[in-house]
Amino acid sequence: MRIRFLRLCLYALVADKLLPDVSVCERLRAQVARVLLGANLGRGVRLRANIDFGNDPSGISIGEGCYINRRCTFFADWGCRITLGRNVWLGPEVMLWTGTHEVGPSTQRCGPAQMRPIVIEDGCWLGARTTVLAGVKIGAGSVIGACALVAHDVASNVVSAGIPAKVLQVLDADPPPVSTTLVLEVRETERC
């Protein structure tokens, strides 16, 4: 326990105090997290400053090509997991909480703790200050609007926002590529 605490302190010192919060340090900061915290980070992961990995970074898995912005919080304690797929982008101050409590009796409503995993699938984008609660799965390719509270699962390829988050729009699974024919037609018209 002491060694884990010392590693967390050393990570905070190196990643947040010694490395400037500029884009050229994002991959270096990820490497520091791998070495000091034993964090499971895929290739090409980029980390901004002041990220809180909680007490047990070993419960966090971040896939290839993910971008984690400033002051994000990962709470994956007591053996519960947070899993981010590939190419997931988190805006500033996103919070992922695997812990919750049962509702207790009227003498103390905060009942026993419960831990449930969080899964964010490939290609998702979570806007600034989004909060994702315990047990939530966000489907591939979804967008969560800024300041949303995600308390229930979100389907793939949708835009959700609000408190609580609700689906606002369904997105195409794979947007069609820009047509070169259309571009040529526009250019022909411009010449006339």
C-alpha atoms as a PDB file:
ATOM      1  CA  MET A   1       0.000   0.000   0.000  1.00  0.00           C
ATOM      2  CA  ARG A   2       2.820   2.421   0.859  1.00  0.00           C
ATOM      3  CA  ILE A   3       4.655   1.681  -2.376  1.00  0.00           C
ATOM      4  CA  ARG A   4       1.478   2.320  -4.398  1.00  0.00           C
ATOM      5  CA  PHE A   5       0.996   5.632  -2.583  1.00  0.00           C
ATOM      6  CA  LEU A   6       4.614   6.631  -3.241  1.00  0.00           C
ATOM      7  CA  ARG A   7       4.245   5.746  -6.937  1.00  0.00           C
ATOM      8  CA  LEU A   8       1.087   7.868  -7.191  1.00  0.00           C
ATOM      9  CA  CYS A   9       2.894  10.790  -5.534  1.00  0.00           C
ATOM     10  CA  LEU A  10       5.921  10.387  -7.791  1.00  0.00           C
ATOM     11  CA  TYR A  11       3.662  10.241 -10.868  1.00  0.00           C
ATOM     12  CA  ALA A  12       1.895  13.442  -9.774  1.00  0.00           C
ATOM     13  CA  LEU A  13       5.245  15.163  -9.259  1.00  0.00           C
ATOM     14  CA  VAL A  14       6.722  14.128 -12.615  1.00  0.00           C
ATOM     15  CA  ALA A  15       3.596  14.235 -14.805  1.00  0.00           C
ATOM     16  CA  ASP A  16       1.982  17.332 -13.346  1.00  0.00           C
ATOM     17  CA  LYS A  17       4.797  19.457 -11.943  1.00  0.00           C
ATOM     18  CA  LEU A  18       7.905  18.684 -13.997  1.00  0.00           C
ATOM     19  CA  LEU A  19       6.315  18.123 -17.412  1.00  0.00           C
ATOM     20  CA  PRO A  20       4.631  21.220 -18.838  1.00  0.00           C
ATOM     21  CA  ASP A  21       1.006  20.847 -19.913  1.00  0.00           C
ATOM     22  CA  VAL A  22       1.740  21.103 -23.629  1.00  0.00           C
ATOM     23  CA  SER A  23       0.942  18.670 -26.426  1.00  0.00           C
ATOM     24  CA  VAL A  24       4.566  17.590 -26.964  1.00  0.00           C
ATOM     25  CA  CYS A  25       4.561  16.040 -23.451  1.00  0.00           C
ATOM     26  CA  GLU A  26       1.318  14.035 -23.815  1.00  0.00           C
ATOM     27  CA  ARG A  27       2.933  10.766 -24.965  1.00  0.00           C
ATOM     28  CA  LEU A  28       5.804  11.152 -22.497  1.00  0.00           C
ATOM     29  CA  ARG A  29       3.263  11.576 -19.685  1.00  0.00           C
ATOM     30  CA  ALA A  30       1.595   8.307 -20.824  1.00  0.00           C
ATOM     31  CA  GLN A  31       4.960   6.546 -20.689  1.00  0.00           C
ATOM     32  CA  VAL A  32       5.514   7.857 -17.163  1.00  0.00           C
ATOM     33  CA  ALA A  33       2.089   6.440 -16.180  1.00  0.00           C
ATOM     34  CA  ARG A  34       3.035   3.055 -17.647  1.00  0.00           C
ATOM     35  CA  VAL A  35       6.347   2.925 -15.773  1.00  0.00           C
ATOM     36  CA  LEU A  36       5.417   4.446 -12.401  1.00  0.00           C
ATOM     37  CA  LEU A  37       1.795   3.319 -12.083  1.00  0.00           C
ATOM     38  CA  GLY A  38       1.799   0.131 -14.138  1.00  0.00           C
ATOM     39  CA  ALA A  39      -1.107   1.614 -16.080  1.00  0.00           C
ATOM     40  CA  ASN A  40      -2.464  -0.471 -18.965  1.00  0.00           C
ATOM     41  CA  LEU A  41      -2.239   2.081 -21.795  1.00  0.00           C
ATOM     42  CA  GLY A  42      -2.317   1.190 -25.498  1.00  0.00           C
ATOM     43  CA  ARG A  43       0.014   2.601 -28.133  1.00  0.00           C
ATOM     44  CA  GLY A  44      -0.391   6.252 -29.006  1.00  0.00           C
ATOM     45  CA  VAL A  45      -2.294   7.181 -25.824  1.00  0.00           C
ATOM     46  CA  ARG A  46      -1.990  10.888 -25.013  1.00  0.00           C
ATOM     47  CA  LEU A  47      -2.457  12.255 -21.492  1.00  0.00           C
ATOM     48  CA  ARG A  48      -2.799  15.880 -20.453  1.00  0.00           C
ATOM     49  CA  ALA A  49      -1.880  17.081 -16.952  1.00  0.00           C
ATOM     50  CA  ASN A  50      -3.579  16.494 -13.597  1.00  0.00           C
ATOM     51  CA  ILE A  51      -5.254  13.181 -14.377  1.00  0.00           C
ATOM     52  CA  ASP A  52      -6.424  11.327 -11.266  1.00  0.00           C
ATOM     53  CA  PHE A  53      -6.006   7.565 -11.700  1.00  0.00           C
ATOM     54  CA  GLY A  54      -7.479   6.847  -8.255  1.00  0.00           C
ATOM     55  CA  ASN A  55      -5.949   4.468  -5.742  1.00  0.00           C
ATOM     56  CA  ASP A  56      -5.621   1.488  -8.102  1.00  0.00           C
ATOM     57  CA  PRO A  57      -4.520   2.332 -11.669  1.00  0.00           C
ATOM     58  CA  SER A  58      -4.245  -1.410 -12.432  1.00  0.00           C
ATOM     59  CA  GLY A  59      -8.048  -1.472 -12.807  1.00  0.00           C
ATOM     60  CA  ILE A  60      -7.905   0.985 -15.716  1.00  0.00           C
ATOM     61  CA  SER A  61      -7.394  -0.112 -19.326  1.00  0.00           C
ATOM     62  CA  ILE A  62      -7.054   2.561 -22.023  1.00  0.00           C
ATOM     63  CA  GLY A  63      -6.944   1.424 -25.661  1.00  0.00           C
ATOM     64  CA  GLU A  64      -4.761   2.577 -28.557  1.00  0.00           C
ATOM     65  CA  GLY A  65      -5.017   6.148 -29.771  1.00  0.00           C
ATOM     66  CA  CYS A  66      -7.026   7.493 -26.816  1.00  0.00           C
ATOM     67  CA  TYR A  67      -6.776  11.119 -25.722  1.00  0.00           C
ATOM     68  CA  ILE A  68      -7.385  12.004 -22.072  1.00  0.00           C
ATOM     69  CA  ASN A  69      -7.713  15.736 -21.454  1.00  0.00           C
ATOM     70  CA  ARG A  70      -6.851  17.757 -18.331  1.00  0.00           C
ATOM     71  CA  ARG A  71      -8.152  16.913 -14.863  1.00  0.00           C
ATOM     72  CA  CYS A  72     -10.016  13.692 -15.767  1.00  0.00           C
ATOM     73  CA  THR A  73     -10.820  11.351 -12.866  1.00  0.00           C
ATOM     74  CA  PHE A  74     -10.800   7.541 -12.997  1.00  0.00           C
ATOM     75  CA  PHE A  75     -12.243   5.884  -9.881  1.00  0.00           C
ATOM     76  CA  ALA A  76     -11.683   2.133 -10.328  1.00  0.00           C
ATOM     77  CA  ASP A  77     -10.933   0.962  -6.807  1.00  0.00           C
ATOM     78  CA  TRP A  78     -11.523  -2.356  -5.056  1.00  0.00           C
ATOM     79  CA  GLY A  79     -10.865  -4.511  -8.091  1.00  0.00           C
ATOM     80  CA  CYS A  80     -13.465  -2.900 -10.357  1.00  0.00           C
ATOM     81  CA  ARG A  81     -12.475  -1.994 -13.924  1.00  0.00           C
ATOM     82  CA  ILE A  82     -12.751   0.967 -16.251  1.00  0.00           C
ATOM     83  CA  THR A  83     -12.167  -0.003 -19.884  1.00  0.00           C
ATOM     84  CA  LEU A  84     -11.768   2.472 -22.738  1.00  0.00           C
ATOM     85  CA  GLY A  85     -11.666   1.046 -26.255  1.00  0.00           C
ATOM     86  CA  ARG A  86      -9.542   2.380 -29.087  1.00  0.00           C
ATOM     87  CA  ASN A  87      -9.612   6.043 -30.155  1.00  0.00           C
ATOM     88  CA  VAL A  88     -11.758   7.254 -27.250  1.00  0.00           C
ATOM     89  CA  TRP A  89     -11.441  10.978 -26.529  1.00  0.00           C
ATOM     90  CA  LEU A  90     -12.279  12.467 -23.136  1.00  0.00           C
ATOM     91  CA  GLY A  91     -12.764  16.202 -22.756  1.00  0.00           C
ATOM     92  CA  PRO A  92     -11.475  18.109 -19.733  1.00  0.00           C
ATOM     93  CA  GLU A  93     -12.683  17.112 -16.264  1.00  0.00           C
ATOM     94  CA  VAL A  94     -14.534  13.944 -17.321  1.00  0.00           C
ATOM     95  CA  MET A  95     -15.269  11.720 -14.305  1.00  0.00           C
ATOM     96  CA  LEU A  96     -15.659   7.931 -14.436  1.00  0.00           C
ATOM     97  CA  TRP A  97     -16.950   6.452 -11.163  1.00  0.00           C
ATOM     98  CA  THR A  98     -17.218   2.671 -10.642  1.00  0.00           C
ATOM     99  CA  GLY A  99     -18.415   3.051  -7.051  1.00  0.00           C
ATOM    100  CA  THR A 100     -21.933   3.617  -5.802  1.00  0.00           C
ATOM    101  CA  HIS A 101     -24.003   2.749  -2.736  1.00  0.00           C
ATOM    102  CA  GLU A 102     -27.240   0.939  -2.075  1.00  0.00           C
ATOM    103  CA  VAL A 103     -29.968   3.117  -0.606  1.00  0.00           C
ATOM    104  CA  GLY A 104     -30.114   2.299   3.080  1.00  0.00           C
ATOM    105  CA  PRO A 105     -32.787   2.748   5.732  1.00  0.00           C
ATOM    106  CA  SER A 106     -33.976   6.181   6.850  1.00  0.00           C
ATOM    107  CA  THR A 107     -31.460   6.204   9.705  1.00  0.00           C
ATOM    108  CA  GLN A 108     -28.625   6.232   7.134  1.00  0.00           C
ATOM    109  CA  ARG A 109     -29.557   6.405   3.456  1.00  0.00           C
ATOM    110  CA  CYS A 110     -25.978   5.805   2.274  1.00  0.00           C
ATOM    111  CA  GLY A 111     -25.940   2.020   2.414  1.00  0.00           C
ATOM    112  CA  PRO A 112     -23.263  -0.544   1.581  1.00  0.00           C
ATOM    113  CA  ALA A 113     -20.828   0.251  -1.230  1.00  0.00           C
ATOM    114  CA  GLN A 114     -21.210  -1.441  -4.600  1.00  0.00           C
ATOM    115  CA  MET A 115     -18.672  -1.503  -7.416  1.00  0.00           C
ATOM    116  CA  ARG A 116     -19.675  -1.911 -11.061  1.00  0.00           C
ATOM    117  CA  PRO A 117     -17.411  -1.717 -14.133  1.00  0.00           C
ATOM    118  CA  ILE A 118     -17.547   1.015 -16.776  1.00  0.00           C
ATOM    119  CA  VAL A 119     -16.978   0.230 -20.468  1.00  0.00           C
ATOM    120  CA  ILE A 120     -16.557   2.892 -23.149  1.00  0.00           C
ATOM    121  CA  GLU A 121     -16.266   1.258 -26.557  1.00  0.00           C
ATOM    122  CA  ASP A 122     -14.145   2.255 -29.577  1.00  0.00           C
ATOM    123  CA  GLY A 123     -14.391   5.705 -31.118  1.00  0.00           C
ATOM    124  CA  CYS A 124     -16.451   7.465 -28.438  1.00  0.00           C
ATOM    125  CA  TRP A 125     -16.086  11.137 -27.585  1.00  0.00           C
ATOM    126  CA  LEU A 126     -17.114  12.437 -24.145  1.00  0.00           C
ATOM    127  CA  GLY A 127     -17.445  16.204 -23.822  1.00  0.00           C
ATOM    128  CA  ALA A 128     -16.053  18.341 -21.014  1.00  0.00           C
ATOM    129  CA  ARG A 129     -17.234  17.607 -17.470  1.00  0.00           C
ATOM    130  CA  THR A 130     -19.224  14.507 -18.413  1.00  0.00           C
ATOM    131  CA  THR A 131     -19.837  12.154 -15.484  1.00  0.00           C
ATOM    132  CA  VAL A 132     -20.227   8.415 -16.115  1.00  0.00           C
ATOM    133  CA  LEU A 133     -21.650   6.402 -13.225  1.00  0.00           C
ATOM    134  CA  ALA A 134     -21.041   2.815 -12.114  1.00  0.00           C
ATOM    135  CA  GLY A 135     -22.144  -0.027 -14.381  1.00  0.00           C
ATOM    136  CA  VAL A 136     -22.530   2.061 -17.546  1.00  0.00           C
ATOM    137  CA  LYS A 137     -21.568   0.852 -21.022  1.00  0.00           C
ATOM    138  CA  ILE A 138     -21.268   3.445 -23.810  1.00  0.00           C
ATOM    139  CA  GLY A 139     -21.550   1.874 -27.269  1.00  0.00           C
ATOM    140  CA  ALA A 140     -18.992   2.335 -30.051  1.00  0.00           C
ATOM    141  CA  GLY A 141     -18.965   5.609 -31.965  1.00  0.00           C
ATOM    142  CA  SER A 142     -21.180   7.536 -29.544  1.00  0.00           C
ATOM    143  CA  VAL A 143     -20.835  11.176 -28.559  1.00  0.00           C
ATOM    144  CA  ILE A 144     -21.735  12.393 -25.073  1.00  0.00           C
ATOM    145  CA  GLY A 145     -22.415  16.123 -24.767  1.00  0.00           C
ATOM    146  CA  ALA A 146     -20.586  18.332 -22.294  1.00  0.00           C
ATOM    147  CA  CYS A 147     -21.744  18.224 -18.667  1.00  0.00           C
ATOM    148  CA  ALA A 148     -23.908  15.133 -19.243  1.00  0.00           C
ATOM    149  CA  LEU A 149     -24.649  12.697 -16.432  1.00  0.00           C
ATOM    150  CA  VAL A 150     -24.560   9.173 -17.891  1.00  0.00           C
ATOM    151  CA  ALA A 151     -26.425   6.915 -15.465  1.00  0.00           C
ATOM    152  CA  HIS A 152     -27.599   4.227 -17.928  1.00  0.00           C
ATOM    153  CA  ASP A 153     -26.149   2.397 -20.928  1.00  0.00           C
ATOM    154  CA  VAL A 154     -25.844   4.340 -24.187  1.00  0.00           C
ATOM    155  CA  ALA A 155     -26.343   2.637 -27.566  1.00  0.00           C
ATOM    156  CA  SER A 156     -23.713   2.706 -30.320  1.00  0.00           C
ATOM    157  CA  ASN A 157     -23.517   5.635 -32.748  1.00  0.00           C
ATOM    158  CA  VAL A 158     -25.753   8.114 -30.960  1.00  0.00           C
ATOM    159  CA  VAL A 159     -25.406  11.616 -29.555  1.00  0.00           C
ATOM    160  CA  SER A 160     -26.552  11.803 -25.922  1.00  0.00           C
ATOM    161  CA  ALA A 161     -26.618  14.790 -23.605  1.00  0.00           C
ATOM    162  CA  GLY A 162     -28.343  16.174 -20.553  1.00  0.00           C
ATOM    163  CA  ILE A 163     -28.962  15.281 -16.920  1.00  0.00           C
ATOM    164  CA  PRO A 164     -29.634  12.409 -17.110  1.00  0.00           C
ATOM    165  CA  ALA A 165     -28.179  11.811 -20.581  1.00  0.00           C
ATOM    166  CA  LYS A 166     -30.773  11.046 -23.261  1.00  0.00           C
ATOM    167  CA  VAL A 167     -30.363  10.203 -26.936  1.00  0.00           C
ATOM    168  CA  LEU A 168     -30.688  13.339 -29.085  1.00  0.00           C
ATOM    169  CA  GLN A 169     -29.554  12.007 -32.456  1.00  0.00           C
ATOM    170  CA  VAL A 170     -28.693   8.739 -34.180  1.00  0.00           C
ATOM    171  CA  LEU A 171     -25.421   8.845 -36.131  1.00  0.00           C
ATOM    172  CA  ASP A 172     -24.430   6.873 -39.218  1.00  0.00           C
ATOM    173  CA  ALA A 173     -22.266   3.910 -38.290  1.00  0.00           C
ATOM    174  CA  ASP A 174     -19.731   4.815 -40.983  1.00  0.00           C
ATOM    175  CA  PRO A 175     -20.231   8.158 -42.695  1.00  0.00           C
ATOM    176  CA  PRO A 176     -19.862   7.885 -46.451  1.00  0.00           C
ATOM    177  CA  PRO A 177     -16.577   9.194 -47.854  1.00  0.00           C
ATOM    178  CA  VAL A 178     -16.611  12.586 -49.552  1.00  0.00           C
ATOM    179  CA  SER A 179     -17.401  12.014 -53.202  1.00  0.00           C
ATOM    180  CA  THR A 180     -14.663  13.110 -55.599  1.00  0.00           C
ATOM    181  CA  THR A 181     -17.292  13.266 -58.325  1.00  0.00           C
ATOM    182  CA  LEU A 182     -19.236  15.869 -56.372  1.00  0.00           C
ATOM    183  CA  VAL A 183     -16.077  17.934 -55.871  1.00  0.00           C
ATOM    184  CA  LEU A 184     -15.340  17.826 -59.618  1.00  0.00           C
ATOM    185  CA  GLU A 185     -18.887  18.897 -60.447  1.00  0.00           C
ATOM    186  CA  VAL A 186     -18.636  21.883 -58.099  1.00  0.00           C
ATOM    187  CA  ARG A 187     -15.353  22.948 -59.663  1.00  0.00           C
ATOM    188  CA  GLU A 188     -16.819  22.702 -63.163  1.00  0.00           C
ATOM    189  CA  THR A 189     -19.688  24.952 -62.103  1.00  0.00           C
ATOM    190  CA  GLU A 190     -17.341  27.494 -60.546  1.00  0.00           C
ATOM    191  CA  ARG A 191     -15.524  27.947 -63.887  1.00  0.00           C
ATOM    192  CA  CYS A 192     -18.630  28.959 -65.804  1.00  0.00           C
END
